[in-house]
Amino acid sequence: KKTRIIGGLTQEIIDRLDKRNAIICETDPNAVRYVTFN
């Protein structure tokens, strides 16, 4: 729950959807689901 293993284009599309208010990012590191998207 500390070491980042996924980034790159996954993070890019998360950022792009965030600009459209089309994604919810989980802030709790214990959460299983990190993002919920349209």
Full PDB file with SEQRES, HELIX, SHEET, SSBOND, CRYST1, ORIGX, SCALE, CONECT and MASTER records, all heavy atoms in Angstrom:
SEQRES   1 A   38  LYS LYS THR ARG ILE ILE GLY GLY LEU THR GLN GLU ILE          
SEQRES   2 A   38  ILE ASP ARG LEU ASP LYS ARG ASN ALA ILE ILE CYS GLU          
SEQRES   3 A   38  THR ASP PRO ASN ALA VAL ARG TYR VAL THR PHE ASN              
HELIX    1 AA1 GLY A    8  ASP A   18  1                                  11    
SHEET    1 AA1 2 ILE A  23  CYS A  25  0                                        
SHEET    2 AA1 2 VAL A  35  PHE A  37 -1                                        
CRYST1    1.000    1.000    1.000  90.00  90.00  90.00 P 1           1          
ORIGX1      1.000000  0.000000  0.000000        0.00000                         
ORIGX2      0.000000  1.000000  0.000000        0.00000                         
ORIGX3      0.000000  0.000000  1.000000        0.00000                         
SCALE1      1.000000  0.000000  0.000000        0.00000                         
SCALE2      0.000000  1.000000  0.000000        0.00000                         
SCALE3      0.000000  0.000000  1.000000        0.00000                         
ATOM      1  N   LYS A   1       0.815  -1.221   0.000  1.00  0.00           N  
ATOM      2  CA  LYS A   1       0.000   0.000   0.000  1.00  0.00           C  
ATOM      3  C   LYS A   1       0.846   1.267   0.000  1.00  0.00           C  
ATOM      4  O   LYS A   1       0.345   2.351   0.303  1.00  0.00           O  
ATOM      5  CB  LYS A   1      -0.982   0.017   1.182  1.00  0.00           C  
ATOM      6  CG  LYS A   1      -1.928  -1.170   1.196  1.00  0.00           C  
ATOM      7  CD  LYS A   1      -2.810  -1.179   2.421  1.00  0.00           C  
ATOM      8  CE  LYS A   1      -3.663  -2.441   2.467  1.00  0.00           C  
ATOM      9  NZ  LYS A   1      -4.477  -2.524   3.695  1.00  0.00           N  
ATOM     10  N   LYS A   2       2.103   1.128  -0.394  1.00  0.00           N  
ATOM     11  CA  LYS A   2       3.001   2.275  -0.435  1.00  0.00           C  
ATOM     12  C   LYS A   2       3.713   2.406  -1.772  1.00  0.00           C  
ATOM     13  O   LYS A   2       3.866   3.498  -2.297  1.00  0.00           O  
ATOM     14  CB  LYS A   2       4.050   2.163   0.684  1.00  0.00           C  
ATOM     15  CG  LYS A   2       3.488   2.207   2.095  1.00  0.00           C  
ATOM     16  CD  LYS A   2       4.596   2.036   3.122  1.00  0.00           C  
ATOM     17  CE  LYS A   2       4.037   2.044   4.540  1.00  0.00           C  
ATOM     18  NZ  LYS A   2       5.111   1.847   5.556  1.00  0.00           N  
ATOM     19  N   THR A   3       4.153   1.276  -2.319  1.00  0.00           N  
ATOM     20  CA  THR A   3       4.969   1.290  -3.530  1.00  0.00           C  
ATOM     21  C   THR A   3       4.092   1.454  -4.765  1.00  0.00           C  
ATOM     22  O   THR A   3       3.195   0.643  -5.016  1.00  0.00           O  
ATOM     23  CB  THR A   3       5.782  -0.012  -3.650  1.00  0.00           C  
ATOM     24  OG1 THR A   3       6.518  -0.210  -2.442  1.00  0.00           O  
ATOM     25  CG2 THR A   3       6.723   0.059  -4.835  1.00  0.00           C  
ATOM     26  N   ARG A   4       4.331   2.499  -5.535  1.00  0.00           N  
ATOM     27  CA  ARG A   4       3.573   2.740  -6.761  1.00  0.00           C  
ATOM     28  C   ARG A   4       4.038   1.773  -7.844  1.00  0.00           C  
ATOM     29  O   ARG A   4       5.220   1.743  -8.190  1.00  0.00           O  
ATOM     30  CB  ARG A   4       3.770   4.195  -7.206  1.00  0.00           C  
ATOM     31  CG  ARG A   4       2.998   4.595  -8.462  1.00  0.00           C  
ATOM     32  CD  ARG A   4       1.509   4.681  -8.203  1.00  0.00           C  
ATOM     33  NE  ARG A   4       0.789   5.126  -9.372  1.00  0.00           N  
ATOM     34  CZ  ARG A   4       0.454   6.396  -9.613  1.00  0.00           C  
ATOM     35  NH1 ARG A   4       0.782   7.335  -8.751  1.00  0.00           N  
ATOM     36  NH2 ARG A   4      -0.215   6.720 -10.698  1.00  0.00           N  
ATOM     37  N   ILE A   5       3.138   0.973  -8.389  1.00  0.00           N  
ATOM     38  CA  ILE A   5       3.510   0.003  -9.423  1.00  0.00           C  
ATOM     39  C   ILE A   5       2.783   0.249 -10.747  1.00  0.00           C  
ATOM     40  O   ILE A   5       3.120  -0.365 -11.754  1.00  0.00           O  
ATOM     41  CB  ILE A   5       3.241  -1.447  -8.958  1.00  0.00           C  
ATOM     42  CG1 ILE A   5       1.772  -1.643  -8.588  1.00  0.00           C  
ATOM     43  CG2 ILE A   5       4.157  -1.821  -7.814  1.00  0.00           C  
ATOM     44  CD1 ILE A   5       1.397  -3.083  -8.303  1.00  0.00           C  
ATOM     45  N   ILE A   6       1.782   1.113 -10.745  1.00  0.00           N  
ATOM     46  CA  ILE A   6       1.047   1.427 -11.976  1.00  0.00           C  
ATOM     47  C   ILE A   6       1.021   2.944 -12.135  1.00  0.00           C  
ATOM     48  O   ILE A   6       0.681   3.674 -11.199  1.00  0.00           O  
ATOM     49  CB  ILE A   6      -0.388   0.883 -11.939  1.00  0.00           C  
ATOM     50  CG1 ILE A   6      -0.374  -0.642 -11.796  1.00  0.00           C  
ATOM     51  CG2 ILE A   6      -1.163   1.284 -13.203  1.00  0.00           C  
ATOM     52  CD1 ILE A   6      -1.750  -1.262 -11.629  1.00  0.00           C  
ATOM     53  N   GLY A   7       1.377   3.416 -13.314  1.00  0.00           N  
ATOM     54  CA  GLY A   7       1.387   4.857 -13.574  1.00  0.00           C  
ATOM     55  C   GLY A   7       1.221   5.106 -15.058  1.00  0.00           C  
ATOM     56  O   GLY A   7       0.329   4.561 -15.693  1.00  0.00           O  
ATOM     57  N   GLY A   8       2.110   5.884 -15.616  1.00  0.00           N  
ATOM     58  CA  GLY A   8       2.143   6.081 -17.061  1.00  0.00           C  
ATOM     59  C   GLY A   8       0.817   6.521 -17.657  1.00  0.00           C  
ATOM     60  O   GLY A   8       0.189   7.483 -17.203  1.00  0.00           O  
ATOM     61  N   LEU A   9       0.365   5.799 -18.681  1.00  0.00           N  
ATOM     62  CA  LEU A   9      -0.864   6.169 -19.382  1.00  0.00           C  
ATOM     63  C   LEU A   9      -2.100   5.951 -18.522  1.00  0.00           C  
ATOM     64  O   LEU A   9      -3.124   6.617 -18.722  1.00  0.00           O  
ATOM     65  CB  LEU A   9      -0.969   5.387 -20.684  1.00  0.00           C  
ATOM     66  CG  LEU A   9       0.036   5.814 -21.759  1.00  0.00           C  
ATOM     67  CD1 LEU A   9       0.079   4.816 -22.899  1.00  0.00           C  
ATOM     68  CD2 LEU A   9      -0.298   7.205 -22.287  1.00  0.00           C  
ATOM     69  N   THR A  10      -2.027   5.020 -17.559  1.00  0.00           N  
ATOM     70  CA  THR A  10      -3.144   4.870 -16.629  1.00  0.00           C  
ATOM     71  C   THR A  10      -3.340   6.165 -15.855  1.00  0.00           C  
ATOM     72  O   THR A  10      -4.461   6.663 -15.732  1.00  0.00           O  
ATOM     73  CB  THR A  10      -2.878   3.708 -15.652  1.00  0.00           C  
ATOM     74  OG1 THR A  10      -2.753   2.490 -16.391  1.00  0.00           O  
ATOM     75  CG2 THR A  10      -4.006   3.575 -14.638  1.00  0.00           C  
ATOM     76  N   GLN A  11      -2.255   6.724 -15.336  1.00  0.00           N  
ATOM     77  CA  GLN A  11      -2.362   7.991 -14.611  1.00  0.00           C  
ATOM     78  C   GLN A  11      -2.779   9.118 -15.537  1.00  0.00           C  
ATOM     79  O   GLN A  11      -3.554  10.006 -15.151  1.00  0.00           O  
ATOM     80  CB  GLN A  11      -1.033   8.328 -13.938  1.00  0.00           C  
ATOM     81  CG  GLN A  11      -1.102   9.543 -13.030  1.00  0.00           C  
ATOM     82  CD  GLN A  11      -2.072   9.350 -11.877  1.00  0.00           C  
ATOM     83  OE1 GLN A  11      -1.955   8.386 -11.128  1.00  0.00           O  
ATOM     84  NE2 GLN A  11      -3.045  10.254 -11.753  1.00  0.00           N  
ATOM     85  N   GLU A  12      -2.292   9.097 -16.773  1.00  0.00           N  
ATOM     86  CA  GLU A  12      -2.659  10.162 -17.713  1.00  0.00           C  
ATOM     87  C   GLU A  12      -4.158  10.189 -17.973  1.00  0.00           C  
ATOM     88  O   GLU A  12      -4.784  11.256 -17.970  1.00  0.00           O  
ATOM     89  CB  GLU A  12      -1.910   9.991 -19.034  1.00  0.00           C  
ATOM     90  CG  GLU A  12      -2.272  11.064 -20.062  1.00  0.00           C  
ATOM     91  CD  GLU A  12      -1.507  10.945 -21.362  1.00  0.00           C  
ATOM     92  OE1 GLU A  12      -0.360  10.448 -21.339  1.00  0.00           O  
ATOM     93  OE2 GLU A  12      -2.066  11.361 -22.407  1.00  0.00           O  
ATOM     94  N   ILE A  13      -4.757   9.028 -18.170  1.00  0.00           N  
ATOM     95  CA  ILE A  13      -6.198   9.036 -18.452  1.00  0.00           C  
ATOM     96  C   ILE A  13      -6.995   9.381 -17.196  1.00  0.00           C  
ATOM     97  O   ILE A  13      -8.061  10.010 -17.273  1.00  0.00           O  
ATOM     98  CB  ILE A  13      -6.656   7.705 -19.078  1.00  0.00           C  
ATOM     99  CG1 ILE A  13      -7.991   7.903 -19.806  1.00  0.00           C  
ATOM    100  CG2 ILE A  13      -6.768   6.592 -18.035  1.00  0.00           C  
ATOM    101  CD1 ILE A  13      -8.372   6.784 -20.722  1.00  0.00           C  
ATOM    102  N   ILE A  14      -6.477   9.008 -16.017  1.00  0.00           N  
ATOM    103  CA  ILE A  14      -7.109   9.434 -14.768  1.00  0.00           C  
ATOM    104  C   ILE A  14      -7.106  10.963 -14.698  1.00  0.00           C  
ATOM    105  O   ILE A  14      -8.122  11.596 -14.377  1.00  0.00           O  
ATOM    106  CB  ILE A  14      -6.387   8.818 -13.559  1.00  0.00           C  
ATOM    107  CG1 ILE A  14      -6.696   7.316 -13.465  1.00  0.00           C  
ATOM    108  CG2 ILE A  14      -6.779   9.519 -12.259  1.00  0.00           C  
ATOM    109  CD1 ILE A  14      -5.874   6.577 -12.427  1.00  0.00           C  
ATOM    110  N   ASP A  15      -5.965  11.577 -15.011  1.00  0.00           N  
ATOM    111  CA  ASP A  15      -5.863  13.037 -14.971  1.00  0.00           C  
ATOM    112  C   ASP A  15      -6.773  13.685 -16.010  1.00  0.00           C  
ATOM    113  O   ASP A  15      -7.403  14.718 -15.741  1.00  0.00           O  
ATOM    114  CB  ASP A  15      -4.410  13.462 -15.208  1.00  0.00           C  
ATOM    115  CG  ASP A  15      -3.475  13.012 -14.090  1.00  0.00           C  
ATOM    116  OD1 ASP A  15      -3.970  12.737 -12.982  1.00  0.00           O  
ATOM    117  OD2 ASP A  15      -2.251  12.932 -14.336  1.00  0.00           O  
ATOM    118  N   ARG A  16      -6.866  13.091 -17.182  1.00  0.00           N  
ATOM    119  CA  ARG A  16      -7.711  13.659 -18.243  1.00  0.00           C  
ATOM    120  C   ARG A  16      -9.188  13.589 -17.854  1.00  0.00           C  
ATOM    121  O   ARG A  16      -9.952  14.540 -18.084  1.00  0.00           O  
ATOM    122  CB  ARG A  16      -7.457  12.917 -19.560  1.00  0.00           C  
ATOM    123  CG  ARG A  16      -6.088  13.179 -20.146  1.00  0.00           C  
ATOM    124  CD  ARG A  16      -5.777  12.254 -21.308  1.00  0.00           C  
ATOM    125  NE  ARG A  16      -6.586  12.568 -22.485  1.00  0.00           N  
ATOM    126  CZ  ARG A  16      -6.102  12.856 -23.684  1.00  0.00           C  
ATOM    127  NH1 ARG A  16      -4.788  12.908 -23.870  1.00  0.00           N  
ATOM    128  NH2 ARG A  16      -6.894  13.096 -24.706  1.00  0.00           N  
ATOM    129  N   LEU A  17      -9.608  12.475 -17.274  1.00  0.00           N  
ATOM    130  CA  LEU A  17     -10.998  12.350 -16.851  1.00  0.00           C  
ATOM    131  C   LEU A  17     -11.305  13.272 -15.671  1.00  0.00           C  
ATOM    132  O   LEU A  17     -12.425  13.774 -15.541  1.00  0.00           O  
ATOM    133  CB  LEU A  17     -11.307  10.904 -16.486  1.00  0.00           C  
ATOM    134  CG  LEU A  17     -11.344   9.914 -17.650  1.00  0.00           C  
ATOM    135  CD1 LEU A  17     -11.493   8.485 -17.132  1.00  0.00           C  
ATOM    136  CD2 LEU A  17     -12.481  10.236 -18.618  1.00  0.00           C  
ATOM    137  N   ASP A  18     -10.315  13.491 -14.821  1.00  0.00           N  
ATOM    138  CA  ASP A  18     -10.515  14.383 -13.677  1.00  0.00           C  
ATOM    139  C   ASP A  18     -10.835  15.796 -14.132  1.00  0.00           C  
ATOM    140  O   ASP A  18     -11.643  16.501 -13.504  1.00  0.00           O  
ATOM    141  CB  ASP A  18      -9.263  14.369 -12.799  1.00  0.00           C  
ATOM    142  CG  ASP A  18      -9.461  15.124 -11.499  1.00  0.00           C  
ATOM    143  OD1 ASP A  18     -10.492  14.909 -10.826  1.00  0.00           O  
ATOM    144  OD2 ASP A  18      -8.587  15.945 -11.146  1.00  0.00           O  
ATOM    145  N   LYS A  19     -10.253  16.233 -15.234  1.00  0.00           N  
ATOM    146  CA  LYS A  19     -10.534  17.579 -15.766  1.00  0.00           C  
ATOM    147  C   LYS A  19     -11.976  17.704 -16.250  1.00  0.00           C  
ATOM    148  O   LYS A  19     -12.499  18.811 -16.378  1.00  0.00           O  
ATOM    149  CB  LYS A  19      -9.573  17.893 -16.909  1.00  0.00           C  
ATOM    150  CG  LYS A  19      -8.123  18.038 -16.469  1.00  0.00           C  
ATOM    151  CD  LYS A  19      -7.211  18.296 -17.657  1.00  0.00           C  
ATOM    152  CE  LYS A  19      -5.759  18.420 -17.204  1.00  0.00           C  
ATOM    153  NZ  LYS A  19      -4.838  18.624 -18.354  1.00  0.00           N  
ATOM    154  N   ARG A  20     -12.628  16.584 -16.509  1.00  0.00           N  
ATOM    155  CA  ARG A  20     -14.016  16.585 -16.984  1.00  0.00           C  
ATOM    156  C   ARG A  20     -14.988  16.197 -15.873  1.00  0.00           C  
ATOM    157  O   ARG A  20     -16.161  15.929 -16.128  1.00  0.00           O  
ATOM    158  CB  ARG A  20     -14.165  15.620 -18.168  1.00  0.00           C  
ATOM    159  CG  ARG A  20     -13.230  15.947 -19.326  1.00  0.00           C  
ATOM    160  CD  ARG A  20     -13.431  15.013 -20.504  1.00  0.00           C  
ATOM    161  NE  ARG A  20     -12.468  15.273 -21.548  1.00  0.00           N  
ATOM    162  CZ  ARG A  20     -12.561  16.253 -22.451  1.00  0.00           C  
ATOM    163  NH1 ARG A  20     -13.610  17.065 -22.428  1.00  0.00           N  
ATOM    164  NH2 ARG A  20     -11.633  16.422 -23.380  1.00  0.00           N  
ATOM    165  N   ASN A  21     -14.481  16.138 -14.628  1.00  0.00           N  
ATOM    166  CA  ASN A  21     -15.309  15.722 -13.478  1.00  0.00           C  
ATOM    167  C   ASN A  21     -15.952  14.363 -13.730  1.00  0.00           C  
ATOM    168  O   ASN A  21     -17.098  14.118 -13.370  1.00  0.00           O  
ATOM    169  CB  ASN A  21     -16.384  16.763 -13.168  1.00  0.00           C  
ATOM    170  CG  ASN A  21     -15.794  18.093 -12.741  1.00  0.00           C  
ATOM    171  OD1 ASN A  21     -14.841  18.135 -11.968  1.00  0.00           O  
ATOM    172  ND2 ASN A  21     -16.343  19.179 -13.268  1.00  0.00           N  
ATOM    173  N   ALA A  22     -15.182  13.478 -14.390  1.00  0.00           N  
ATOM    174  CA  ALA A  22     -15.708  12.172 -14.790  1.00  0.00           C  
ATOM    175  C   ALA A  22     -15.042  11.041 -14.031  1.00  0.00           C  
ATOM    176  O   ALA A  22     -15.117   9.884 -14.452  1.00  0.00           O  
ATOM    177  CB  ALA A  22     -15.522  11.975 -16.292  1.00  0.00           C  
ATOM    178  N   ILE A  23     -14.412  11.353 -12.897  1.00  0.00           N  
ATOM    179  CA  ILE A  23     -13.719  10.315 -12.140  1.00  0.00           C  
ATOM    180  C   ILE A  23     -13.687  10.699 -10.668  1.00  0.00           C  
ATOM    181  O   ILE A  23     -13.659  11.897 -10.325  1.00  0.00           O  
ATOM    182  CB  ILE A  23     -12.293  10.102 -12.695  1.00  0.00           C  
ATOM    183  CG1 ILE A  23     -11.734   8.738 -12.277  1.00  0.00           C  
ATOM    184  CG2 ILE A  23     -11.359  11.238 -12.303  1.00  0.00           C  
ATOM    185  CD1 ILE A  23     -10.537   8.293 -13.080  1.00  0.00           C  
ATOM    186  N   ILE A  24     -13.754   9.705  -9.816  1.00  0.00           N  
ATOM    187  CA  ILE A  24     -13.630   9.905  -8.370  1.00  0.00           C  
ATOM    188  C   ILE A  24     -12.435   9.090  -7.908  1.00  0.00           C  
ATOM    189  O   ILE A  24     -12.384   7.870  -8.125  1.00  0.00           O  
ATOM    190  CB  ILE A  24     -14.899   9.456  -7.621  1.00  0.00           C  
ATOM    191  CG1 ILE A  24     -16.113  10.263  -8.085  1.00  0.00           C  
ATOM    192  CG2 ILE A  24     -14.703   9.604  -6.112  1.00  0.00           C  
ATOM    193  CD1 ILE A  24     -17.429   9.723  -7.548  1.00  0.00           C  
ATOM    194  N   CYS A  25     -11.466   9.745  -7.266  1.00  0.00           N  
ATOM    195  CA  CYS A  25     -10.269   9.070  -6.776  1.00  0.00           C  
ATOM    196  C   CYS A  25     -10.390   8.829  -5.276  1.00  0.00           C  
ATOM    197  O   CYS A  25     -10.743   9.752  -4.523  1.00  0.00           O  
ATOM    198  CB  CYS A  25      -9.022   9.896  -7.072  1.00  0.00           C  
ATOM    199  SG  CYS A  25      -8.675  10.090  -8.832  1.00  0.00           S  
ATOM    200  N   GLU A  26     -10.092   7.631  -4.858  1.00  0.00           N  
ATOM    201  CA  GLU A  26     -10.155   7.266  -3.447  1.00  0.00           C  
ATOM    202  C   GLU A  26      -8.887   7.731  -2.737  1.00  0.00           C  
ATOM    203  O   GLU A  26      -7.778   7.537  -3.247  1.00  0.00           O  
ATOM    204  CB  GLU A  26     -10.303   5.740  -3.324  1.00  0.00           C  
ATOM    205  CG  GLU A  26     -10.319   5.220  -1.914  1.00  0.00           C  
ATOM    206  CD  GLU A  26     -11.436   5.799  -1.080  1.00  0.00           C  
ATOM    207  OE1 GLU A  26     -12.616   5.589  -1.432  1.00  0.00           O  
ATOM    208  OE2 GLU A  26     -11.118   6.490  -0.085  1.00  0.00           O  
ATOM    209  N   THR A  27      -9.036   8.378  -1.598  1.00  0.00           N  
ATOM    210  CA  THR A  27      -7.883   8.877  -0.848  1.00  0.00           C  
ATOM    211  C   THR A  27      -7.426   7.912   0.244  1.00  0.00           C  
ATOM    212  O   THR A  27      -6.309   8.020   0.741  1.00  0.00           O  
ATOM    213  CB  THR A  27      -8.205  10.233  -0.208  1.00  0.00           C  
ATOM    214  OG1 THR A  27      -9.366  10.092   0.639  1.00  0.00           O  
ATOM    215  CG2 THR A  27      -8.493  11.277  -1.280  1.00  0.00           C  
ATOM    216  N   ASP A  28      -8.268   6.957   0.618  1.00  0.00           N  
ATOM    217  CA  ASP A  28      -7.930   6.000   1.660  1.00  0.00           C  
ATOM    218  C   ASP A  28      -7.002   4.929   1.092  1.00  0.00           C  
ATOM    219  O   ASP A  28      -7.383   4.190   0.179  1.00  0.00           O  
ATOM    220  CB  ASP A  28      -9.205   5.350   2.206  1.00  0.00           C  
ATOM    221  CG  ASP A  28      -8.930   4.341   3.308  1.00  0.00           C  
ATOM    222  OD1 ASP A  28      -7.747   4.162   3.673  1.00  0.00           O  
ATOM    223  OD2 ASP A  28      -9.895   3.731   3.803  1.00  0.00           O  
ATOM    224  N   PRO A  29      -5.763   4.813   1.591  1.00  0.00           N  
ATOM    225  CA  PRO A  29      -4.831   3.820   1.028  1.00  0.00           C  
ATOM    226  C   PRO A  29      -5.275   2.378   1.251  1.00  0.00           C  
ATOM    227  O   PRO A  29      -4.772   1.461   0.599  1.00  0.00           O  
ATOM    228  CB  PRO A  29      -3.521   4.108   1.776  1.00  0.00           C  
ATOM    229  CG  PRO A  29      -3.949   4.776   3.043  1.00  0.00           C  
ATOM    230  CD  PRO A  29      -5.175   5.573   2.695  1.00  0.00           C  
ATOM    231  N   ASN A  30      -6.224   2.166   2.171  1.00  0.00           N  
ATOM    232  CA  ASN A  30      -6.723   0.812   2.422  1.00  0.00           C  
ATOM    233  C   ASN A  30      -7.852   0.421   1.472  1.00  0.00           C  
ATOM    234  O   ASN A  30      -8.295  -0.724   1.480  1.00  0.00           O  
ATOM    235  CB  ASN A  30      -7.213   0.693   3.866  1.00  0.00           C  
ATOM    236  CG  ASN A  30      -6.077   0.838   4.866  1.00  0.00           C  
ATOM    237  OD1 ASN A  30      -5.062   0.179   4.734  1.00  0.00           O  
ATOM    238  ND2 ASN A  30      -6.243   1.705   5.837  1.00  0.00           N  
ATOM    239  N   ALA A  31      -8.337   1.368   0.687  1.00  0.00           N  
ATOM    240  CA  ALA A  31      -9.449   1.086  -0.221  1.00  0.00           C  
ATOM    241  C   ALA A  31      -8.982   0.159  -1.341  1.00  0.00           C  
ATOM    242  O   ALA A  31      -7.882   0.305  -1.874  1.00  0.00           O  
ATOM    243  CB  ALA A  31     -10.011   2.375  -0.807  1.00  0.00           C  
ATOM    244  N   VAL A  32      -9.831  -0.803  -1.697  1.00  0.00           N  
ATOM    245  CA  VAL A  32      -9.496  -1.712  -2.790  1.00  0.00           C  
ATOM    246  C   VAL A  32      -9.660  -1.013  -4.133  1.00  0.00           C  
ATOM    247  O   VAL A  32      -8.812  -1.096  -5.013  1.00  0.00           O  
ATOM    248  CB  VAL A  32     -10.388  -2.973  -2.729  1.00  0.00           C  
ATOM    249  CG1 VAL A  32     -10.151  -3.850  -3.951  1.00  0.00           C  
ATOM    250  CG2 VAL A  32     -10.104  -3.760  -1.457  1.00  0.00           C  
ATOM    251  N   ARG A  33     -10.771  -0.278  -4.284  1.00  0.00           N  
ATOM    252  CA  ARG A  33     -11.013   0.445  -5.530  1.00  0.00           C  
ATOM    253  C   ARG A  33     -10.393   1.830  -5.435  1.00  0.00           C  
ATOM    254  O   ARG A  33     -10.727   2.611  -4.551  1.00  0.00           O  
ATOM    255  CB  ARG A  33     -12.513   0.545  -5.796  1.00  0.00           C  
ATOM    256  CG  ARG A  33     -13.118  -0.735  -6.336  1.00  0.00           C  
ATOM    257  CD  ARG A  33     -14.617  -0.667  -6.411  1.00  0.00           C  
ATOM    258  NE  ARG A  33     -15.216  -0.732  -5.085  1.00  0.00           N  
ATOM    259  CZ  ARG A  33     -16.519  -0.768  -4.854  1.00  0.00           C  
ATOM    260  NH1 ARG A  33     -17.354  -0.738  -5.847  1.00  0.00           N  
ATOM    261  NH2 ARG A  33     -16.991  -0.837  -3.641  1.00  0.00           N  
ATOM    262  N   TYR A  34      -9.513   2.140  -6.367  1.00  0.00           N  
ATOM    263  CA  TYR A  34      -8.825   3.429  -6.311  1.00  0.00           C  
ATOM    264  C   TYR A  34      -9.615   4.513  -7.032  1.00  0.00           C  
ATOM    265  O   TYR A  34      -9.740   5.618  -6.551  1.00  0.00           O  
ATOM    266  CB  TYR A  34      -7.427   3.303  -6.907  1.00  0.00           C  
ATOM    267  CG  TYR A  34      -6.711   4.631  -6.979  1.00  0.00           C  
ATOM    268  CD1 TYR A  34      -6.352   5.301  -5.810  1.00  0.00           C  
ATOM    269  CD2 TYR A  34      -6.415   5.227  -8.200  1.00  0.00           C  
ATOM    270  CE1 TYR A  34      -5.717   6.527  -5.869  1.00  0.00           C  
ATOM    271  CE2 TYR A  34      -5.770   6.445  -8.263  1.00  0.00           C  
ATOM    272  CZ  TYR A  34      -5.418   7.092  -7.092  1.00  0.00           C  
ATOM    273  OH  TYR A  34      -4.802   8.315  -7.156  1.00  0.00           O  
ATOM    274  N   VAL A  35     -10.145   4.186  -8.218  1.00  0.00           N  
ATOM    275  CA  VAL A  35     -10.910   5.175  -8.971  1.00  0.00           C  
ATOM    276  C   VAL A  35     -12.227   4.577  -9.449  1.00  0.00           C  
ATOM    277  O   VAL A  35     -12.325   3.383  -9.734  1.00  0.00           O  
ATOM    278  CB  VAL A  35     -10.131   5.717 -10.198  1.00  0.00           C  
ATOM    279  CG1 VAL A  35      -8.904   6.488  -9.762  1.00  0.00           C  
ATOM    280  CG2 VAL A  35      -9.743   4.594 -11.140  1.00  0.00           C  
ATOM    281  N   THR A  36     -13.237   5.429  -9.493  1.00  0.00           N  
ATOM    282  CA  THR A  36     -14.512   5.100 -10.128  1.00  0.00           C  
ATOM    283  C   THR A  36     -14.725   6.135 -11.219  1.00  0.00           C  
ATOM    284  O   THR A  36     -14.624   7.336 -10.962  1.00  0.00           O  
ATOM    285  CB  THR A  36     -15.663   5.151  -9.114  1.00  0.00           C  
ATOM    286  OG1 THR A  36     -15.354   4.296  -8.013  1.00  0.00           O  
ATOM    287  CG2 THR A  36     -16.964   4.698  -9.754  1.00  0.00           C  
ATOM    288  N   PHE A  37     -15.024   5.682 -12.442  1.00  0.00           N  
ATOM    289  CA  PHE A  37     -15.063   6.615 -13.564  1.00  0.00           C  
ATOM    290  C   PHE A  37     -16.348   6.457 -14.371  1.00  0.00           C  
ATOM    291  O   PHE A  37     -17.043   5.440 -14.302  1.00  0.00           O  
ATOM    292  CB  PHE A  37     -13.846   6.424 -14.482  1.00  0.00           C  
ATOM    293  CG  PHE A  37     -13.594   4.998 -14.893  1.00  0.00           C  
ATOM    294  CD1 PHE A  37     -14.284   4.418 -15.939  1.00  0.00           C  
ATOM    295  CD2 PHE A  37     -12.655   4.229 -14.212  1.00  0.00           C  
ATOM    296  CE1 PHE A  37     -14.059   3.105 -16.309  1.00  0.00           C  
ATOM    297  CE2 PHE A  37     -12.420   2.910 -14.573  1.00  0.00           C  
ATOM    298  CZ  PHE A  37     -13.120   2.349 -15.627  1.00  0.00           C  
ATOM    299  N   ASN A  38     -16.643   7.492 -15.139  1.00  0.00           N  
ATOM    300  CA  ASN A  38     -17.757   7.492 -16.075  1.00  0.00           C  
ATOM    301  C   ASN A  38     -17.307   6.724 -17.325  1.00  0.00           C  
ATOM    302  O   ASN A  38     -16.410   7.164 -18.044  1.00  0.00           O  
ATOM    303  CB  ASN A  38     -18.134   8.944 -16.419  1.00  0.00           C  
ATOM    304  CG  ASN A  38     -19.314   9.049 -17.353  1.00  0.00           C  
ATOM    305  OD1 ASN A  38     -19.341   8.415 -18.401  1.00  0.00           O  
ATOM    306  ND2 ASN A  38     -20.277   9.871 -16.998  1.00  0.00           N  
TER     307      ASN A  38                                                      
MASTER        0    0    0    1    2    0    0    6  306    1    0    3          
END                                                                             
